[in-house]
């Protein structure tokens, strides 16, 4: 197992760079890293990663969002589903239901990570299917688009509140399917990141109030992630991140499977 502030900073830098470059992979990568390499308790990993995501993605938003690429109507639809659902989970946690302490939380995280990895791998084919529906039957597609977006937000709210995973990587896959023409890669990254920040704050509030966030570990993670997310965001303007997403998906798949071993 890894130990020490430098190791946390390196892990934070790796995750921050990927978030800055692709807009995804924050919770899906950081939480398994904390579980597998640092032997952090699952509930502490989830709690700390949620606030790690808030700080890291605030910086990424300042860089991606300042160019006006955020699709605010889509963000509002996602929030309409994700924020109430995540708040409900937080209230259940705060009133003693102990949802984050359920047996098999590590395995639950692993399942979400594997699903996220599969979504990243098959995202192009899902987008193509959605594009055919969008072009072939636009009236029906547009009629349910808003409702499906809110339902997607609700799904992300549950995943993030319980596991800290899904807002970035899984969210981007869902948005590719729901908006195959509207969201360019740059707009997708900016929209996905800015949706994730309030969601992580709401989901993380219950853990924070319960004293489950590891403050020193969080600061060490951020000491690496903040510079790295800036660097990754600068490179994102020049590089095609498609192959990096595929590589990230393969890593996430292996990491997700490892949580079951």
Protein backbone atom coordinates (compact mmCIF):
# COMPACT_ATOMS: atom_id res chain seq x y z
CA UNK A 1 0.00 0.00 0.00
CA UNK A 2 1.11 3.55 -0.67
CA UNK A 3 1.62 5.97 2.19
CA UNK A 4 2.71 9.54 2.80
CA UNK A 5 1.76 12.97 1.57
CA UNK A 6 3.89 12.71 -1.59
CA UNK A 7 2.08 9.58 -2.71
CA UNK A 8 -1.29 11.28 -2.19
CA UNK A 9 -0.06 14.29 -4.18
CA UNK A 10 1.05 12.03 -7.05
CA UNK A 11 -2.33 10.28 -7.08
CA UNK A 12 -4.06 13.66 -7.06
CA UNK A 13 -1.87 14.92 -9.91
CA UNK A 14 -2.63 11.87 -12.07
CA UNK A 15 -6.36 12.22 -11.54
CA UNK A 16 -6.34 15.99 -11.93
CA UNK A 17 -4.47 15.81 -15.23
CA UNK A 18 -7.01 13.35 -16.64
CA UNK A 19 -9.92 15.51 -15.44
CA UNK A 20 -8.38 18.58 -17.05
CA UNK A 21 -7.65 16.77 -20.30
CA UNK A 22 -10.87 14.82 -20.78
CA UNK A 23 -13.34 16.17 -18.21
CA UNK A 24 -13.93 12.64 -16.89
CA UNK A 25 -12.36 10.06 -14.66
CA UNK A 26 -12.26 11.95 -11.36
CA UNK A 27 -14.34 9.85 -8.98
CA UNK A 28 -14.10 6.76 -11.16
CA UNK A 29 -10.32 6.84 -10.80
CA UNK A 30 -9.65 8.48 -7.42
CA UNK A 31 -11.99 6.39 -5.28
CA UNK A 32 -10.57 3.02 -6.48
CA UNK A 33 -7.03 4.41 -6.06
CA UNK A 34 -7.78 5.26 -2.44
CA UNK A 35 -9.31 1.84 -1.87
CA UNK A 36 -6.71 -0.31 -3.62
CA UNK A 37 -3.42 1.54 -3.17
CA UNK A 38 -3.92 3.41 0.10
CA UNK A 39 -6.23 0.96 1.87
CA UNK A 40 -8.60 3.78 2.82
CA UNK A 41 -11.94 2.74 4.31
CA UNK A 42 -14.64 2.80 1.59
CA UNK A 43 -16.85 5.39 3.30
CA UNK A 44 -13.85 7.69 3.88
CA UNK A 45 -12.75 7.27 0.27
CA UNK A 46 -16.22 8.24 -0.99
CA UNK A 47 -16.53 11.19 1.39
CA UNK A 48 -13.08 12.60 0.68
CA UNK A 49 -13.30 12.06 -3.07
CA UNK A 50 -16.54 14.05 -3.32
CA UNK A 51 -14.81 17.16 -1.96
CA UNK A 52 -11.71 16.41 -4.02
CA UNK A 53 -14.00 16.50 -7.07
CA UNK A 54 -15.52 19.83 -6.01
CA UNK A 55 -12.17 21.61 -5.71
CA UNK A 56 -10.56 20.01 -8.77
CA UNK A 57 -13.53 20.61 -11.06
CA UNK A 58 -13.94 24.21 -9.89
CA UNK A 59 -10.50 24.87 -11.36
CA UNK A 60 -11.35 22.91 -14.52
CA UNK A 61 -14.58 24.91 -14.89
CA UNK A 62 -12.70 28.20 -14.70
CA UNK A 63 -10.58 27.03 -17.63
CA UNK A 64 -13.17 25.22 -19.76
CA UNK A 65 -16.15 27.40 -18.91
CA UNK A 66 -14.63 30.81 -19.59
CA UNK A 67 -14.79 30.21 -23.34
CA UNK A 68 -18.60 30.01 -23.20
CA UNK A 69 -18.83 26.34 -24.03
CA UNK A 70 -21.19 25.33 -21.21
CA UNK A 71 -24.66 24.31 -22.41
CA UNK A 72 -26.70 25.76 -19.55
CA UNK A 73 -30.14 24.38 -20.56
CA UNK A 74 -28.69 20.85 -20.51
CA UNK A 75 -27.01 21.52 -17.15
CA UNK A 76 -30.29 22.72 -15.65
CA UNK A 77 -32.10 19.59 -16.84
CA UNK A 78 -29.44 17.38 -15.28
CA UNK A 79 -29.58 19.33 -12.01
CA UNK A 80 -33.37 18.95 -11.94
CA UNK A 81 -32.85 15.21 -11.64
CA UNK A 82 -29.53 14.86 -9.85
CA UNK A 83 -29.69 17.42 -7.05
CA UNK A 84 -33.04 16.39 -5.49
CA UNK A 85 -32.13 12.70 -5.62
CA UNK A 86 -28.66 13.22 -4.14
CA UNK A 87 -30.17 15.46 -1.45
CA UNK A 88 -32.65 12.71 -0.58
CA UNK A 89 -29.80 10.24 -0.15
CA UNK A 90 -27.94 12.79 2.00
CA UNK A 91 -30.99 13.25 4.22
CA UNK A 92 -31.35 9.50 4.67
CA UNK A 93 -27.68 9.31 5.60
CA UNK A 94 -27.94 12.26 8.00
CA UNK A 95 -30.96 10.73 9.74
CA UNK A 96 -29.18 7.51 10.52
CA UNK A 97 -29.99 5.17 7.67
CA UNK A 98 -26.21 4.64 7.24
CA UNK A 99 -26.43 4.08 3.50
CA UNK A 100 -22.70 4.64 2.89
CA UNK A 101 -21.91 1.97 5.49
CA UNK A 102 -23.87 -0.77 3.78
CA UNK A 103 -22.16 -4.10 3.39
CA UNK A 104 -20.33 -4.42 0.10
CA UNK A 105 -19.72 -0.70 -0.54
CA UNK A 106 -16.38 -1.51 -2.20
CA UNK A 107 -18.14 -3.93 -4.54
CA UNK A 108 -20.82 -1.34 -5.26
CA UNK A 109 -18.09 1.12 -6.24
CA UNK A 110 -16.52 -1.57 -8.42
CA UNK A 111 -19.79 -2.17 -10.26
CA UNK A 112 -20.23 1.53 -11.02
CA UNK A 113 -16.61 1.81 -12.18
CA UNK A 114 -16.98 -1.18 -14.52
CA UNK A 115 -20.24 0.19 -15.94
CA UNK A 116 -18.53 3.54 -16.45
CA UNK A 117 -15.62 1.87 -18.25
CA UNK A 118 -17.98 -0.02 -20.55
CA UNK A 119 -19.84 3.19 -21.26
CA UNK A 120 -16.62 4.95 -22.29
CA UNK A 121 -15.63 2.05 -24.56
CA UNK A 122 -18.99 1.89 -26.31
CA UNK A 123 -19.71 5.64 -26.30
CA UNK A 124 -19.09 6.08 -30.08
CA UNK A 125 -21.53 3.31 -31.01
CA UNK A 126 -24.12 4.64 -28.56
CA UNK A 127 -23.71 8.10 -30.05
CA UNK A 128 -24.17 6.73 -33.57
CA UNK A 129 -27.36 4.94 -32.56
CA UNK A 130 -28.69 8.09 -30.97
CA UNK A 131 -27.76 10.14 -34.03
CA UNK A 132 -29.75 7.79 -36.27
CA UNK A 133 -32.78 8.18 -33.99
CA UNK A 134 -32.27 11.94 -33.88
CA UNK A 135 -32.14 12.26 -37.66
CA UNK A 136 -34.63 9.53 -38.52
CA UNK A 137 -37.35 10.46 -36.05
CA UNK A 138 -36.54 13.93 -34.71
CA UNK A 139 -39.98 14.76 -33.32
CA UNK A 140 -40.17 11.71 -31.06
CA UNK A 141 -36.53 12.06 -30.03
CA UNK A 142 -36.93 15.71 -29.02
CA UNK A 143 -40.23 15.02 -27.24
CA UNK A 144 -38.55 12.79 -24.66
CA UNK A 145 -35.10 14.38 -24.61
CA UNK A 146 -35.73 16.66 -21.62
CA UNK A 147 -37.38 13.93 -19.54
CA UNK A 148 -34.60 11.47 -20.31
CA UNK A 149 -32.02 14.08 -19.32
CA UNK A 150 -33.67 14.56 -15.92
CA UNK A 151 -33.84 10.78 -15.48
CA UNK A 152 -30.14 10.56 -16.37
CA UNK A 153 -29.47 13.23 -13.76
CA UNK A 154 -31.39 11.24 -11.15
CA UNK A 155 -29.33 8.13 -11.93
CA UNK A 156 -26.12 10.12 -11.58
CA UNK A 157 -27.39 11.55 -8.29
CA UNK A 158 -27.79 8.08 -6.80
CA UNK A 159 -24.42 6.85 -8.09
CA UNK A 160 -22.50 9.89 -6.88
CA UNK A 161 -24.17 10.08 -3.47
CA UNK A 162 -23.47 6.43 -2.72
CA UNK A 163 -20.12 5.85 -4.45
CA UNK A 164 -18.73 9.28 -5.56
CA UNK A 165 -18.41 7.74 -9.05
CA UNK A 166 -20.26 8.62 -12.23
CA UNK A 167 -20.74 12.38 -12.50
CA UNK A 168 -17.93 12.80 -15.04
CA UNK A 169 -17.33 9.62 -17.04
CA UNK A 170 -20.79 8.09 -16.88
CA UNK A 171 -22.38 11.52 -17.24
CA UNK A 172 -20.46 12.22 -20.42
CA UNK A 173 -21.60 8.92 -21.95
CA UNK A 174 -25.24 9.69 -21.15
CA UNK A 175 -24.92 13.17 -22.64
CA UNK A 176 -23.36 11.78 -25.82
CA UNK A 177 -26.41 9.56 -26.23
CA UNK A 178 -28.95 12.25 -25.39
CA UNK A 179 -27.37 15.07 -27.38
CA UNK A 180 -25.47 13.47 -30.30
CA UNK A 181 -25.55 16.62 -32.46
CA UNK A 182 -25.79 19.45 -29.97
CA UNK A 183 -22.73 18.79 -27.79
CA UNK A 184 -19.33 19.08 -29.44
CA UNK A 185 -16.44 17.48 -27.48
CA UNK A 186 -15.48 20.83 -25.94
CA UNK A 187 -19.05 21.68 -24.94
CA UNK A 188 -19.53 18.17 -23.57
CA UNK A 189 -16.49 18.52 -21.29
CA UNK A 190 -17.52 21.96 -20.03
CA UNK A 191 -21.17 20.99 -19.49
CA UNK A 192 -20.33 17.72 -17.76
CA UNK A 193 -17.81 19.34 -15.41
CA UNK A 194 -20.06 22.18 -14.31
CA UNK A 195 -22.96 19.80 -13.66
CA UNK A 196 -20.74 17.70 -11.40
CA UNK A 197 -19.72 20.47 -8.97
CA UNK A 198 -23.04 21.20 -7.18
CA UNK A 199 -23.87 17.50 -7.34
CA UNK A 200 -20.66 16.59 -5.50
CA UNK A 201 -21.25 19.41 -2.98
CA UNK A 202 -24.78 18.23 -2.18
CA UNK A 203 -23.77 14.57 -2.06
CA UNK A 204 -20.70 15.36 0.03
CA UNK A 205 -22.48 17.55 2.57
CA UNK A 206 -23.87 14.62 4.55
CA UNK A 207 -20.47 12.97 4.76
CA UNK A 208 -18.90 16.26 5.84
CA UNK A 209 -21.47 16.81 8.59
CA UNK A 210 -20.88 13.25 9.77
CA UNK A 211 -17.13 13.91 10.06
CA UNK A 212 -16.20 11.31 7.45
CA UNK A 213 -14.00 13.54 5.26
CA UNK A 214 -10.27 13.07 5.83
CA UNK A 215 -9.05 16.69 5.75
CA UNK A 216 -5.26 16.11 5.70
CA UNK A 217 -5.58 13.49 2.96
CA UNK A 218 -7.81 15.83 0.95
CA UNK A 219 -5.28 18.66 1.15
CA UNK A 220 -2.46 16.36 0.02
CA UNK A 221 -4.54 15.13 -2.93
CA UNK A 222 -5.36 18.70 -3.95
CA UNK A 223 -1.72 19.79 -3.77
CA UNK A 224 -1.14 17.52 -6.74
CA UNK A 225 -4.45 17.86 -8.58
CA UNK A 226 -4.77 21.65 -8.82
CA UNK A 227 -1.58 22.24 -10.85
CA UNK A 228 -2.23 19.08 -12.88
CA UNK A 229 -5.80 19.98 -13.83
CA UNK A 230 -4.55 23.33 -15.16
CA UNK A 231 -1.91 21.55 -17.23
CA UNK A 232 -4.41 19.01 -18.50
CA UNK A 233 -6.89 21.74 -19.48
CA UNK A 234 -4.21 23.52 -21.51
CA UNK A 235 -3.33 20.30 -23.35
CA UNK A 236 -7.01 19.59 -24.02
CA UNK A 237 -7.08 22.48 -26.49
CA UNK A 238 -4.41 20.80 -28.62
CA UNK A 239 -4.83 17.04 -28.23
CA UNK A 240 -7.45 14.56 -29.40
CA UNK A 241 -8.44 12.88 -26.15
CA UNK A 242 -10.29 9.99 -27.84
CA UNK A 243 -7.49 7.47 -27.38
CA UNK A 244 -6.88 8.63 -23.84
CA UNK A 245 -10.55 7.94 -23.06
CA UNK A 246 -10.16 4.41 -24.43
CA UNK A 247 -7.04 3.87 -22.34
CA UNK A 248 -8.83 5.31 -19.30
CA UNK A 249 -11.76 2.96 -19.91
CA UNK A 250 -9.46 -0.06 -19.97
CA UNK A 251 -7.75 1.06 -16.76
CA UNK A 252 -11.10 1.65 -15.06
CA UNK A 253 -12.33 -1.77 -16.15
CA UNK A 254 -9.25 -3.44 -14.65
CA UNK A 255 -9.52 -1.37 -11.46
CA UNK A 256 -13.23 -2.10 -11.12
CA UNK A 257 -12.65 -5.84 -11.46
CA UNK A 258 -9.85 -5.60 -8.91
CA UNK A 259 -12.27 -4.37 -6.24
CA UNK A 260 -13.96 -7.78 -6.37
CA UNK A 261 -10.72 -9.76 -5.90
